[in-house]
Structures are given as structure tokens and as C-alpha cells.
Amino acid sequence: MSEQFAMFAQLAPLIAICTGIGVGGWIFTTWLRIKHGYPLDGAWGQAVYPRAGNEAMERISLLTQENAQLRAELGSMKDRLAVVERIVTAESHALNREIERLRGPAN
């Protein structure tokens, strides 16, 4: 029994040092994340203290408005493109016939 205790007594400082390095590294990385503004996360990656201040809500509101404006502009552009496509495809044959009719048999 004393041999096992002697072996444990020799390993105890090594175990304590490894544990201390692991805990110290965890504390250091957490401190770096806080210092640089990264959100802290739990074991499964969910945010522990998510930032949802006035600045973030204002930015979301501005982005939502910009998105609505861009969608309206895109709808307008689609309508205009449809009109141009209709003009180009449908009236091109009629325009060619009209030009040929105006040229007459002399040419």
C-alpha cells in the first residue's frame, strides 16, 4: 500500500500542473474573447451572453428597410424587362414587315 501512495505522491504534482495549465489556458482564451468582443458560447455553441443592444437593433432595422427598398426596385426592374422583352420579340417581326412594305417593289 505504501508503494501505491509513493507513486501517487510522485504523480500528484504532475497532475496538479497539467490541471493548472488547462484551467489557466481556458481562463486566458475566455479573457481574450471578452477583450476582443467575441460572444461567449456554451458547450454546444449557443451564445451565453448575446449582444442585443440598441445599436444592433438599429442596424437590423436599417438593413430591413434597405432590403425592402431593394426588393421593390428589383420588382420594378423585372416589370421593365418584361416590357422590353415583349417589345423586342413581338414587334420585331411586325417592324421588319413594315420596313419591307415601305421599301416597295422598286428595291
PDB file of N, CA and C in Angstrom:
ATOM      1  N   MET A   1       0.824  -1.180   0.000  1.00  0.00           N
ATOM      2  CA  MET A   1       0.000   0.000   0.000  1.00  0.00           C
ATOM      3  C   MET A   1       0.873   1.251   0.000  1.00  0.00           C
ATOM      4  N   SER A   2       1.956   1.200   0.662  1.00  0.00           N
ATOM      5  CA  SER A   2       2.831   2.362   0.728  1.00  0.00           C
ATOM      6  C   SER A   2       3.485   2.634  -0.622  1.00  0.00           C
ATOM      7  N   GLU A   3       3.645   1.586  -1.456  1.00  0.00           N
ATOM      8  CA  GLU A   3       4.207   1.789  -2.795  1.00  0.00           C
ATOM      9  C   GLU A   3       3.231   2.576  -3.656  1.00  0.00           C
ATOM     10  N   GLN A   4       1.926   2.258  -3.541  1.00  0.00           N
ATOM     11  CA  GLN A   4       0.924   2.986  -4.313  1.00  0.00           C
ATOM     12  C   GLN A   4       0.852   4.442  -3.862  1.00  0.00           C
ATOM     13  N   PHE A   5       0.967   4.650  -2.551  1.00  0.00           N
ATOM     14  CA  PHE A   5       0.943   6.011  -2.043  1.00  0.00           C
ATOM     15  C   PHE A   5       2.169   6.784  -2.510  1.00  0.00           C
ATOM     16  N   ALA A   6       3.327   6.127  -2.548  1.00  0.00           N
ATOM     17  CA  ALA A   6       4.548   6.776  -3.007  1.00  0.00           C
ATOM     18  C   ALA A   6       4.434   7.134  -4.489  1.00  0.00           C
ATOM     19  N   MET A   7       3.817   6.250  -5.312  1.00  0.00           N
ATOM     20  CA  MET A   7       3.647   6.516  -6.724  1.00  0.00           C
ATOM     21  C   MET A   7       2.682   7.693  -6.921  1.00  0.00           C
ATOM     22  N   PHE A   8       1.613   7.714  -6.145  1.00  0.00           N
ATOM     23  CA  PHE A   8       0.666   8.818  -6.227  1.00  0.00           C
ATOM     24  C   PHE A   8       1.324  10.117  -5.789  1.00  0.00           C
ATOM     25  N   ALA A   9       2.158  10.064  -4.776  1.00  0.00           N
ATOM     26  CA  ALA A   9       2.844  11.254  -4.293  1.00  0.00           C
ATOM     27  C   ALA A   9       3.778  11.810  -5.365  1.00  0.00           C
ATOM     28  N   GLN A  10       4.332  10.930  -6.179  1.00  0.00           N
ATOM     29  CA  GLN A  10       5.199  11.396  -7.259  1.00  0.00           C
ATOM     30  C   GLN A  10       4.379  11.978  -8.430  1.00  0.00           C
ATOM     31  N   LEU A  11       3.199  11.411  -8.694  1.00  0.00           N
ATOM     32  CA  LEU A  11       2.374  11.868  -9.812  1.00  0.00           C
ATOM     33  C   LEU A  11       1.505  13.079  -9.459  1.00  0.00           C
ATOM     34  N   ALA A  12       1.257  13.302  -8.188  1.00  0.00           N
ATOM     35  CA  ALA A  12       0.364  14.377  -7.773  1.00  0.00           C
ATOM     36  C   ALA A  12       0.816  15.748  -8.286  1.00  0.00           C
ATOM     37  N   PRO A  13       2.080  16.125  -8.192  1.00  0.00           N
ATOM     38  CA  PRO A  13       2.484  17.437  -8.721  1.00  0.00           C
ATOM     39  C   PRO A  13       2.285  17.540 -10.236  1.00  0.00           C
ATOM     40  N   LEU A  14       2.551  16.450 -10.965  1.00  0.00           N
ATOM     41  CA  LEU A  14       2.365  16.454 -12.410  1.00  0.00           C
ATOM     42  C   LEU A  14       0.885  16.638 -12.764  1.00  0.00           C
ATOM     43  N   ILE A  15       0.017  15.940 -12.045  1.00  0.00           N
ATOM     44  CA  ILE A  15      -1.428  16.073 -12.270  1.00  0.00           C
ATOM     45  C   ILE A  15      -1.879  17.490 -11.950  1.00  0.00           C
ATOM     46  N   ALA A  16      -1.391  18.060 -10.862  1.00  0.00           N
ATOM     47  CA  ALA A  16      -1.757  19.421 -10.471  1.00  0.00           C
ATOM     48  C   ALA A  16      -1.269  20.433 -11.509  1.00  0.00           C
ATOM     49  N   ILE A  17      -0.061  20.246 -12.030  1.00  0.00           N
ATOM     50  CA  ILE A  17       0.483  21.164 -13.035  1.00  0.00           C
ATOM     51  C   ILE A  17      -0.336  21.094 -14.323  1.00  0.00           C
ATOM     52  N   CYS A  18      -0.661  19.892 -14.780  1.00  0.00           N
ATOM     53  CA  CYS A  18      -1.458  19.727 -16.009  1.00  0.00           C
ATOM     54  C   CYS A  18      -2.848  20.340 -15.835  1.00  0.00           C
ATOM     55  N   THR A  19      -3.453  20.118 -14.692  1.00  0.00           N
ATOM     56  CA  THR A  19      -4.765  20.692 -14.430  1.00  0.00           C
ATOM     57  C   THR A  19      -4.679  22.218 -14.394  1.00  0.00           C
ATOM     58  N   GLY A  20      -3.654  22.736 -13.752  1.00  0.00           N
ATOM     59  CA  GLY A  20      -3.465  24.184 -13.679  1.00  0.00           C
ATOM     60  C   GLY A  20      -3.251  24.798 -15.057  1.00  0.00           C
ATOM     61  N   ILE A  21      -2.476  24.142 -15.910  1.00  0.00           N
ATOM     62  CA  ILE A  21      -2.249  24.650 -17.267  1.00  0.00           C
ATOM     63  C   ILE A  21      -3.552  24.643 -18.059  1.00  0.00           C
ATOM     64  N   GLY A  22      -4.337  23.594 -17.931  1.00  0.00           N
ATOM     65  CA  GLY A  22      -5.616  23.517 -18.644  1.00  0.00           C
ATOM     66  C   GLY A  22      -6.584  24.601 -18.208  1.00  0.00           C
ATOM     67  N   VAL A  23      -6.723  24.791 -16.917  1.00  0.00           N
ATOM     68  CA  VAL A  23      -7.635  25.820 -16.397  1.00  0.00           C
ATOM     69  C   VAL A  23      -7.112  27.211 -16.757  1.00  0.00           C
ATOM     70  N   GLY A  24      -5.802  27.406 -16.642  1.00  0.00           N
ATOM     71  CA  GLY A  24      -5.215  28.702 -16.995  1.00  0.00           C
ATOM     72  C   GLY A  24      -5.412  29.027 -18.470  1.00  0.00           C
ATOM     73  N   GLY A  25      -5.266  28.036 -19.343  1.00  0.00           N
ATOM     74  CA  GLY A  25      -5.494  28.247 -20.771  1.00  0.00           C
ATOM     75  C   GLY A  25      -6.943  28.600 -21.059  1.00  0.00           C
ATOM     76  N   TRP A  26      -7.866  27.936 -20.388  1.00  0.00           N
ATOM     77  CA  TRP A  26      -9.285  28.240 -20.571  1.00  0.00           C
ATOM     78  C   TRP A  26      -9.592  29.672 -20.127  1.00  0.00           C
ATOM     79  N   ILE A  27      -9.034  30.065 -18.988  1.00  0.00           N
ATOM     80  CA  ILE A  27      -9.249  31.434 -18.489  1.00  0.00           C
ATOM     81  C   ILE A  27      -8.651  32.448 -19.456  1.00  0.00           C
ATOM     82  N   PHE A  28      -7.466  32.159 -19.973  1.00  0.00           N
ATOM     83  CA  PHE A  28      -6.804  33.077 -20.899  1.00  0.00           C
ATOM     84  C   PHE A  28      -7.601  33.242 -22.191  1.00  0.00           C
ATOM     85  N   THR A  29      -8.071  32.136 -22.783  1.00  0.00           N
ATOM     86  CA  THR A  29      -8.840  32.243 -24.024  1.00  0.00           C
ATOM     87  C   THR A  29     -10.167  32.957 -23.791  1.00  0.00           C
ATOM     88  N   THR A  30     -10.798  32.727 -22.651  1.00  0.00           N
ATOM     89  CA  THR A  30     -12.043  33.434 -22.337  1.00  0.00           C
ATOM     90  C   THR A  30     -11.776  34.927 -22.202  1.00  0.00           C
ATOM     91  N   TRP A  31     -10.694  35.277 -21.540  1.00  0.00           N
ATOM     92  CA  TRP A  31     -10.325  36.687 -21.383  1.00  0.00           C
ATOM     93  C   TRP A  31     -10.072  37.327 -22.750  1.00  0.00           C
ATOM     94  N   LEU A  32      -9.376  36.622 -23.653  1.00  0.00           N
ATOM     95  CA  LEU A  32      -9.121  37.163 -24.992  1.00  0.00           C
ATOM     96  C   LEU A  32     -10.426  37.369 -25.753  1.00  0.00           C
ATOM     97  N   ARG A  33     -11.361  36.434 -25.639  1.00  0.00           N
ATOM     98  CA  ARG A  33     -12.639  36.582 -26.335  1.00  0.00           C
ATOM     99  C   ARG A  33     -13.403  37.791 -25.810  1.00  0.00           C
ATOM    100  N   ILE A  34     -13.394  37.978 -24.512  1.00  0.00           N
ATOM    101  CA  ILE A  34     -14.092  39.132 -23.922  1.00  0.00           C
ATOM    102  C   ILE A  34     -13.414  40.428 -24.345  1.00  0.00           C
ATOM    103  N   LYS A  35     -12.096  40.438 -24.313  1.00  0.00           N
ATOM    104  CA  LYS A  35     -11.337  41.641 -24.648  1.00  0.00           C
ATOM    105  C   LYS A  35     -11.602  42.089 -26.082  1.00  0.00           C
ATOM    106  N   HIS A  36     -11.704  41.144 -27.003  1.00  0.00           N
ATOM    107  CA  HIS A  36     -11.870  41.479 -28.415  1.00  0.00           C
ATOM    108  C   HIS A  36     -13.332  41.488 -28.855  1.00  0.00           C
ATOM    109  N   GLY A  37     -14.264  41.322 -27.929  1.00  0.00           N
ATOM    110  CA  GLY A  37     -15.675  41.492 -28.229  1.00  0.00           C
ATOM    111  C   GLY A  37     -16.373  40.283 -28.814  1.00  0.00           C
ATOM    112  N   TYR A  38     -15.758  39.113 -28.757  1.00  0.00           N
ATOM    113  CA  TYR A  38     -16.435  37.916 -29.249  1.00  0.00           C
ATOM    114  C   TYR A  38     -17.465  37.459 -28.226  1.00  0.00           C
ATOM    115  N   PRO A  39     -18.612  36.975 -28.687  1.00  0.00           N
ATOM    116  CA  PRO A  39     -19.609  36.490 -27.720  1.00  0.00           C
ATOM    117  C   PRO A  39     -19.148  35.177 -27.104  1.00  0.00           C
ATOM    118  N   LEU A  40     -19.463  35.005 -25.856  1.00  0.00           N
ATOM    119  CA  LEU A  40     -19.129  33.758 -25.183  1.00  0.00           C
ATOM    120  C   LEU A  40     -20.145  32.703 -25.580  1.00  0.00           C
ATOM    121  N   ASP A  41     -19.691  31.447 -25.685  1.00  0.00           N
ATOM    122  CA  ASP A  41     -20.612  30.390 -26.061  1.00  0.00           C
ATOM    123  C   ASP A  41     -20.526  29.237 -25.075  1.00  0.00           C
ATOM    124  N   GLY A  42     -21.598  28.457 -25.037  1.00  0.00           N
ATOM    125  CA  GLY A  42     -21.677  27.317 -24.142  1.00  0.00           C
ATOM    126  C   GLY A  42     -21.058  26.083 -24.774  1.00  0.00           C
ATOM    127  N   ALA A  43     -21.330  24.945 -24.172  1.00  0.00           N
ATOM    128  CA  ALA A  43     -20.741  23.698 -24.637  1.00  0.00           C
ATOM    129  C   ALA A  43     -21.225  23.315 -26.033  1.00  0.00           C
ATOM    130  N   TRP A  44     -22.442  23.689 -26.398  1.00  0.00           N
ATOM    131  CA  TRP A  44     -22.996  23.325 -27.699  1.00  0.00           C
ATOM    132  C   TRP A  44     -22.950  24.473 -28.702  1.00  0.00           C
ATOM    133  N   GLY A  45     -22.242  25.538 -28.389  1.00  0.00           N
ATOM    134  CA  GLY A  45     -22.075  26.635 -29.319  1.00  0.00           C
ATOM    135  C   GLY A  45     -23.116  27.734 -29.211  1.00  0.00           C
ATOM    136  N   GLN A  46     -24.068  27.611 -28.309  1.00  0.00           N
ATOM    137  CA  GLN A  46     -25.081  28.660 -28.155  1.00  0.00           C
ATOM    138  C   GLN A  46     -24.476  29.833 -27.392  1.00  0.00           C
ATOM    139  N   ALA A  47     -24.954  31.030 -27.684  1.00  0.00           N
ATOM    140  CA  ALA A  47     -24.427  32.233 -27.041  1.00  0.00           C
ATOM    141  C   ALA A  47     -24.851  32.276 -25.580  1.00  0.00           C
ATOM    142  N   VAL A  48     -23.896  32.543 -24.705  1.00  0.00           N
ATOM    143  CA  VAL A  48     -24.196  32.637 -23.283  1.00  0.00           C
ATOM    144  C   VAL A  48     -24.738  34.026 -22.962  1.00  0.00           C
ATOM    145  N   TYR A  49     -24.060  35.048 -23.466  1.00  0.00           N
ATOM    146  CA  TYR A  49     -24.481  36.429 -23.249  1.00  0.00           C
ATOM    147  C   TYR A  49     -24.566  37.112 -24.607  1.00  0.00           C
ATOM    148  N   PRO A  50     -25.652  36.893 -25.346  1.00  0.00           N
ATOM    149  CA  PRO A  50     -25.726  37.512 -26.679  1.00  0.00           C
ATOM    150  C   PRO A  50     -25.864  39.021 -26.573  1.00  0.00           C
ATOM    151  N   ARG A  51     -25.261  39.698 -27.510  1.00  0.00           N
ATOM    152  CA  ARG A  51     -25.346  41.163 -27.544  1.00  0.00           C
ATOM    153  C   ARG A  51     -26.579  41.559 -28.335  1.00  0.00           C
ATOM    154  N   ALA A  52     -27.476  42.246 -27.721  1.00  0.00           N
ATOM    155  CA  ALA A  52     -28.683  42.728 -28.407  1.00  0.00           C
ATOM    156  C   ALA A  52     -28.984  44.129 -27.898  1.00  0.00           C
ATOM    157  N   GLY A  53     -28.065  45.031 -28.143  1.00  0.00           N
ATOM    158  CA  GLY A  53     -28.228  46.406 -27.684  1.00  0.00           C
ATOM    159  C   GLY A  53     -28.984  47.232 -28.691  1.00  0.00           C
ATOM    160  N   ASN A  54     -29.076  48.511 -28.406  1.00  0.00           N
ATOM    161  CA  ASN A  54     -29.772  49.441 -29.293  1.00  0.00           C
ATOM    162  C   ASN A  54     -29.096  49.534 -30.648  1.00  0.00           C
ATOM    163  N   GLU A  55     -27.777  49.480 -30.651  1.00  0.00           N
ATOM    164  CA  GLU A  55     -27.035  49.587 -31.906  1.00  0.00           C
ATOM    165  C   GLU A  55     -27.362  48.423 -32.836  1.00  0.00           C
ATOM    166  N   ALA A  56     -27.413  47.222 -32.302  1.00  0.00           N
ATOM    167  CA  ALA A  56     -27.726  46.049 -33.119  1.00  0.00           C
ATOM    168  C   ALA A  56     -29.158  46.116 -33.635  1.00  0.00           C
ATOM    169  N   MET A  57     -30.091  46.525 -32.804  1.00  0.00           N
ATOM    170  CA  MET A  57     -31.487  46.610 -33.229  1.00  0.00           C
ATOM    171  C   MET A  57     -31.657  47.694 -34.298  1.00  0.00           C
ATOM    172  N   GLU A  58     -30.940  48.801 -34.150  1.00  0.00           N
ATOM    173  CA  GLU A  58     -30.998  49.880 -35.144  1.00  0.00           C
ATOM    174  C   GLU A  58     -30.434  49.412 -36.480  1.00  0.00           C
ATOM    175  N   ARG A  59     -29.348  48.666 -36.418  1.00  0.00           N
ATOM    176  CA  ARG A  59     -28.735  48.146 -37.639  1.00  0.00           C
ATOM    177  C   ARG A  59     -29.668  47.153 -38.329  1.00  0.00           C
ATOM    178  N   ILE A  60     -30.323  46.305 -37.562  1.00  0.00           N
ATOM    179  CA  ILE A  60     -31.276  45.353 -38.136  1.00  0.00           C
ATOM    180  C   ILE A  60     -32.425  46.099 -38.802  1.00  0.00           C
ATOM    181  N   SER A  61     -32.896  47.158 -38.173  1.00  0.00           N
ATOM    182  CA  SER A  61     -33.983  47.956 -38.737  1.00  0.00           C
ATOM    183  C   SER A  61     -33.556  48.597 -40.058  1.00  0.00           C
ATOM    184  N   LEU A  62     -32.359  49.163 -40.098  1.00  0.00           N
ATOM    185  CA  LEU A  62     -31.867  49.784 -41.331  1.00  0.00           C
ATOM    186  C   LEU A  62     -31.692  48.759 -42.445  1.00  0.00           C
ATOM    187  N   LEU A  63     -31.180  47.588 -42.097  1.00  0.00           N
ATOM    188  CA  LEU A  63     -30.998  46.545 -43.102  1.00  0.00           C
ATOM    189  C   LEU A  63     -32.335  46.032 -43.625  1.00  0.00           C
ATOM    190  N   THR A  64     -33.327  45.966 -42.750  1.00  0.00           N
ATOM    191  CA  THR A  64     -34.663  45.535 -43.169  1.00  0.00           C
ATOM    192  C   THR A  64     -35.267  46.543 -44.143  1.00  0.00           C
ATOM    193  N   GLN A  65     -35.117  47.827 -43.845  1.00  0.00           N
ATOM    194  CA  GLN A  65     -35.627  48.864 -44.746  1.00  0.00           C
ATOM    195  C   GLN A  65     -34.915  48.828 -46.097  1.00  0.00           C
ATOM    196  N   GLU A  66     -33.606  48.673 -46.058  1.00  0.00           N
ATOM    197  CA  GLU A  66     -32.839  48.614 -47.298  1.00  0.00           C
ATOM    198  C   GLU A  66     -33.245  47.390 -48.116  1.00  0.00           C
ATOM    199  N   ASN A  67     -33.477  46.284 -47.444  1.00  0.00           N
ATOM    200  CA  ASN A  67     -33.899  45.062 -48.128  1.00  0.00           C
ATOM    201  C   ASN A  67     -35.246  45.271 -48.814  1.00  0.00           C
ATOM    202  N   ALA A  68     -36.180  45.940 -48.133  1.00  0.00           N
ATOM    203  CA  ALA A  68     -37.494  46.204 -48.726  1.00  0.00           C
ATOM    204  C   ALA A  68     -37.359  47.119 -49.946  1.00  0.00           C
ATOM    205  N   GLN A  69     -36.505  48.131 -49.861  1.00  0.00           N
ATOM    206  CA  GLN A  69     -36.297  49.035 -50.994  1.00  0.00           C
ATOM    207  C   GLN A  69     -35.692  48.294 -52.189  1.00  0.00           C
ATOM    208  N   LEU A  70     -34.719  47.436 -51.910  1.00  0.00           N
ATOM    209  CA  LEU A  70     -34.081  46.695 -52.993  1.00  0.00           C
ATOM    210  C   LEU A  70     -35.042  45.703 -53.636  1.00  0.00           C
ATOM    211  N   ARG A  71     -35.900  45.091 -52.820  1.00  0.00           N
ATOM    212  CA  ARG A  71     -36.903  44.171 -53.386  1.00  0.00           C
ATOM    213  C   ARG A  71     -37.890  44.927 -54.274  1.00  0.00           C
ATOM    214  N   ALA A  72     -38.308  46.118 -53.849  1.00  0.00           N
ATOM    215  CA  ALA A  72     -39.225  46.924 -54.668  1.00  0.00           C
ATOM    216  C   ALA A  72     -38.548  47.323 -55.974  1.00  0.00           C
ATOM    217  N   GLU A  73     -37.301  47.725 -55.903  1.00  0.00           N
ATOM    218  CA  GLU A  73     -36.559  48.107 -57.103  1.00  0.00           C
ATOM    219  C   GLU A  73     -36.394  46.908 -58.042  1.00  0.00           C
ATOM    220  N   LEU A  74     -36.123  45.745 -57.476  1.00  0.00           N
ATOM    221  CA  LEU A  74     -35.985  44.538 -58.286  1.00  0.00           C
ATOM    222  C   LEU A  74     -37.301  44.194 -58.980  1.00  0.00           C
ATOM    223  N   GLY A  75     -38.414  44.341 -58.278  1.00  0.00           N
ATOM    224  CA  GLY A  75     -39.716  44.101 -58.901  1.00  0.00           C
ATOM    225  C   GLY A  75     -39.972  45.051 -60.048  1.00  0.00           C
ATOM    226  N   SER A  76     -39.627  46.317 -59.864  1.00  0.00           N
ATOM    227  CA  SER A  76     -39.780  47.306 -60.920  1.00  0.00           C
ATOM    228  C   SER A  76     -38.908  46.951 -62.121  1.00  0.00           C
ATOM    229  N   MET A  77     -37.684  46.536 -61.870  1.00  0.00           N
ATOM    230  CA  MET A  77     -36.776  46.164 -62.964  1.00  0.00           C
ATOM    231  C   MET A  77     -37.296  44.936 -63.708  1.00  0.00           C
ATOM    232  N   LYS A  78     -37.880  43.979 -63.002  1.00  0.00           N
ATOM    233  CA  LYS A  78     -38.451  42.799 -63.663  1.00  0.00           C
ATOM    234  C   LYS A  78     -39.604  43.205 -64.571  1.00  0.00           C
ATOM    235  N   ASP A  79     -40.448  44.122 -64.104  1.00  0.00           N
ATOM    236  CA  ASP A  79     -41.559  44.590 -64.928  1.00  0.00           C
ATOM    237  C   ASP A  79     -41.053  45.289 -66.186  1.00  0.00           C
ATOM    238  N   ARG A  80     -40.058  46.134 -66.027  1.00  0.00           N
ATOM    239  CA  ARG A  80     -39.497  46.850 -67.176  1.00  0.00           C
ATOM    240  C   ARG A  80     -38.857  45.883 -68.163  1.00  0.00           C
ATOM    241  N   LEU A  81     -38.156  44.883 -67.645  1.00  0.00           N
ATOM    242  CA  LEU A  81     -37.527  43.892 -68.511  1.00  0.00           C
ATOM    243  C   LEU A  81     -38.574  43.095 -69.280  1.00  0.00           C
ATOM    244  N   ALA A  82     -39.673  42.773 -68.629  1.00  0.00           N
ATOM    245  CA  ALA A  82     -40.744  42.043 -69.316  1.00  0.00           C
ATOM    246  C   ALA A  82     -41.314  42.883 -70.456  1.00  0.00           C
ATOM    247  N   VAL A  83     -41.480  44.177 -70.255  1.00  0.00           N
ATOM    248  CA  VAL A  83     -41.994  45.057 -71.308  1.00  0.00           C
ATOM    249  C   VAL A  83     -41.002  45.121 -72.459  1.00  0.00           C
ATOM    250  N   VAL A  84     -39.734  45.272 -72.152  1.00  0.00           N
ATOM    251  CA  VAL A  84     -38.711  45.339 -73.201  1.00  0.00           C
ATOM    252  C   VAL A  84     -38.675  44.026 -73.982  1.00  0.00           C
ATOM    253  N   GLU A  85     -38.750  42.893 -73.291  1.00  0.00           N
ATOM    254  CA  GLU A  85     -38.745  41.603 -73.980  1.00  0.00           C
ATOM    255  C   GLU A  85     -39.956  41.471 -74.896  1.00  0.00           C
ATOM    256  N   ARG A  86     -41.109  41.925 -74.433  1.00  0.00           N
ATOM    257  CA  ARG A  86     -42.320  41.847 -75.245  1.00  0.00           C
ATOM    258  C   ARG A  86     -42.177  42.724 -76.487  1.00  0.00           C
ATOM    259  N   ILE A  87     -41.619  43.918 -76.324  1.00  0.00           N
ATOM    260  CA  ILE A  87     -41.432  44.823 -77.464  1.00  0.00           C
ATOM    261  C   ILE A  87     -40.461  44.216 -78.464  1.00  0.00           C
ATOM    262  N   VAL A  88     -39.363  43.699 -77.975  1.00  0.00           N
ATOM    263  CA  VAL A  88     -38.321  43.173 -78.857  1.00  0.00           C
ATOM    264  C   VAL A  88     -38.806  41.944 -79.597  1.00  0.00           C
ATOM    265  N   THR A  89     -39.453  41.030 -78.916  1.00  0.00           N
ATOM    266  CA  THR A  89     -39.833  39.775 -79.568  1.00  0.00           C
ATOM    267  C   THR A  89     -41.098  39.894 -80.397  1.00  0.00           C
ATOM    268  N   ALA A  90     -42.103  40.560 -79.914  1.00  0.00           N
ATOM    269  CA  ALA A  90     -43.392  40.595 -80.616  1.00  0.00           C
ATOM    270  C   ALA A  90     -43.385  41.587 -81.763  1.00  0.00           C
ATOM    271  N   GLU A  91     -42.833  42.746 -81.565  1.00  0.00           N
ATOM    272  CA  GLU A  91     -42.934  43.781 -82.570  1.00  0.00           C
ATOM    273  C   GLU A  91     -41.791  43.780 -83.573  1.00  0.00           C
ATOM    274  N   SER A  92     -40.778  42.977 -83.342  1.00  0.00           N
ATOM    275  CA  SER A  92     -39.660  42.994 -84.286  1.00  0.00           C
ATOM    276  C   SER A  92     -40.095  42.452 -85.636  1.00  0.00           C
ATOM    277  N   HIS A  93     -40.909  41.401 -85.646  1.00  0.00           N
ATOM    278  CA  HIS A  93     -41.379  40.843 -86.913  1.00  0.00           C
ATOM    279  C   HIS A  93     -42.311  41.832 -87.616  1.00  0.00           C
ATOM    280  N   ALA A  94     -43.196  42.452 -86.863  1.00  0.00           N
ATOM    281  CA  ALA A  94     -44.105  43.428 -87.458  1.00  0.00           C
ATOM    282  C   ALA A  94     -43.331  44.630 -87.977  1.00  0.00           C
ATOM    283  N   LEU A  95     -42.293  45.055 -87.249  1.00  0.00           N
ATOM    284  CA  LEU A  95     -41.478  46.184 -87.690  1.00  0.00           C
ATOM    285  C   LEU A  95     -40.728  45.836 -88.970  1.00  0.00           C
ATOM    286  N   ASN A  96     -40.187  44.625 -89.048  1.00  0.00           N
ATOM    287  CA  ASN A  96     -39.500  44.200 -90.274  1.00  0.00           C
ATOM    288  C   ASN A  96     -40.458  44.171 -91.457  1.00  0.00           C
ATOM    289  N   ARG A  97     -41.655  43.673 -91.262  1.00  0.00           N
ATOM    290  CA  ARG A  97     -42.647  43.645 -92.348  1.00  0.00           C
ATOM    291  C   ARG A  97     -42.996  45.067 -92.809  1.00  0.00           C
ATOM    292  N   GLU A  98     -43.148  45.956 -91.840  1.00  0.00           N
ATOM    293  CA  GLU A  98     -43.478  47.351 -92.168  1.00  0.00           C
ATOM    294  C   GLU A  98     -42.360  48.012 -92.969  1.00  0.00           C
ATOM    295  N   ILE A  99     -41.116  47.743 -92.588  1.00  0.00           N
ATOM    296  CA  ILE A  99     -39.971  48.313 -93.306  1.00  0.00           C
ATOM    297  C   ILE A  99     -39.933  47.764 -94.728  1.00  0.00           C
ATOM    298  N   GLU A 100     -40.131  46.459 -94.853  1.00  0.00           N
ATOM    299  CA  GLU A 100     -40.122  45.863 -96.180  1.00  0.00           C
ATOM    300  C   GLU A 100     -41.284  46.367 -97.038  1.00  0.00           C
ATOM    301  N   ARG A 101     -42.441  46.595 -96.457  1.00  0.00           N
ATOM    302  CA  ARG A 101     -43.594  47.131 -97.187  1.00  0.00           C
ATOM    303  C   ARG A 101     -43.304  48.541 -97.693  1.00  0.00           C
ATOM    304  N   LEU A 102     -42.629  49.347 -96.827  1.00  0.00           N
ATOM    305  CA  LEU A 102     -42.326  50.720 -97.206  1.00  0.00           C
ATOM    306  C   LEU A 102     -41.255  50.782 -98.291  1.00  0.00           C
ATOM    307  N   ARG A 103     -40.382  49.805 -98.325  1.00  0.00           N
ATOM    308  CA  ARG A 103     -39.349  49.800 -99.369  1.00  0.00           C
ATOM    309  C   ARG A 103     -39.999  49.585-100.746  1.00  0.00           C
ATOM    310  N   GLY A 104     -40.977  48.788-100.750  1.00  0.00           N
ATOM    311  CA  GLY A 104     -41.733  48.580-102.005  1.00  0.00           C
ATOM    312  C   GLY A 104     -41.028  47.672-102.980  1.00  0.00           C
ATOM    313  N   PRO A 105     -41.661  47.423-104.077  1.00  0.00           N
ATOM    314  CA  PRO A 105     -41.095  46.512-105.093  1.00  0.00           C
ATOM    315  C   PRO A 105     -39.944  47.123-105.872  1.00  0.00           C
ATOM    316  N   ALA A 106     -39.730  48.409-105.762  1.00  0.00           N
ATOM    317  CA  ALA A 106     -38.660  49.062-106.552  1.00  0.00           C
ATOM    318  C   ALA A 106     -37.284  48.591-106.090  1.00  0.00           C
ATOM    319  N   ASN A 107     -37.115  48.262-104.829  1.00  0.00           N
ATOM    320  CA  ASN A 107     -35.792  47.863-104.340  1.00  0.00           C
ATOM    321  C   ASN A 107     -35.645  46.424-104.464  1.00  0.00           C
TER     322      ASN A 107
END
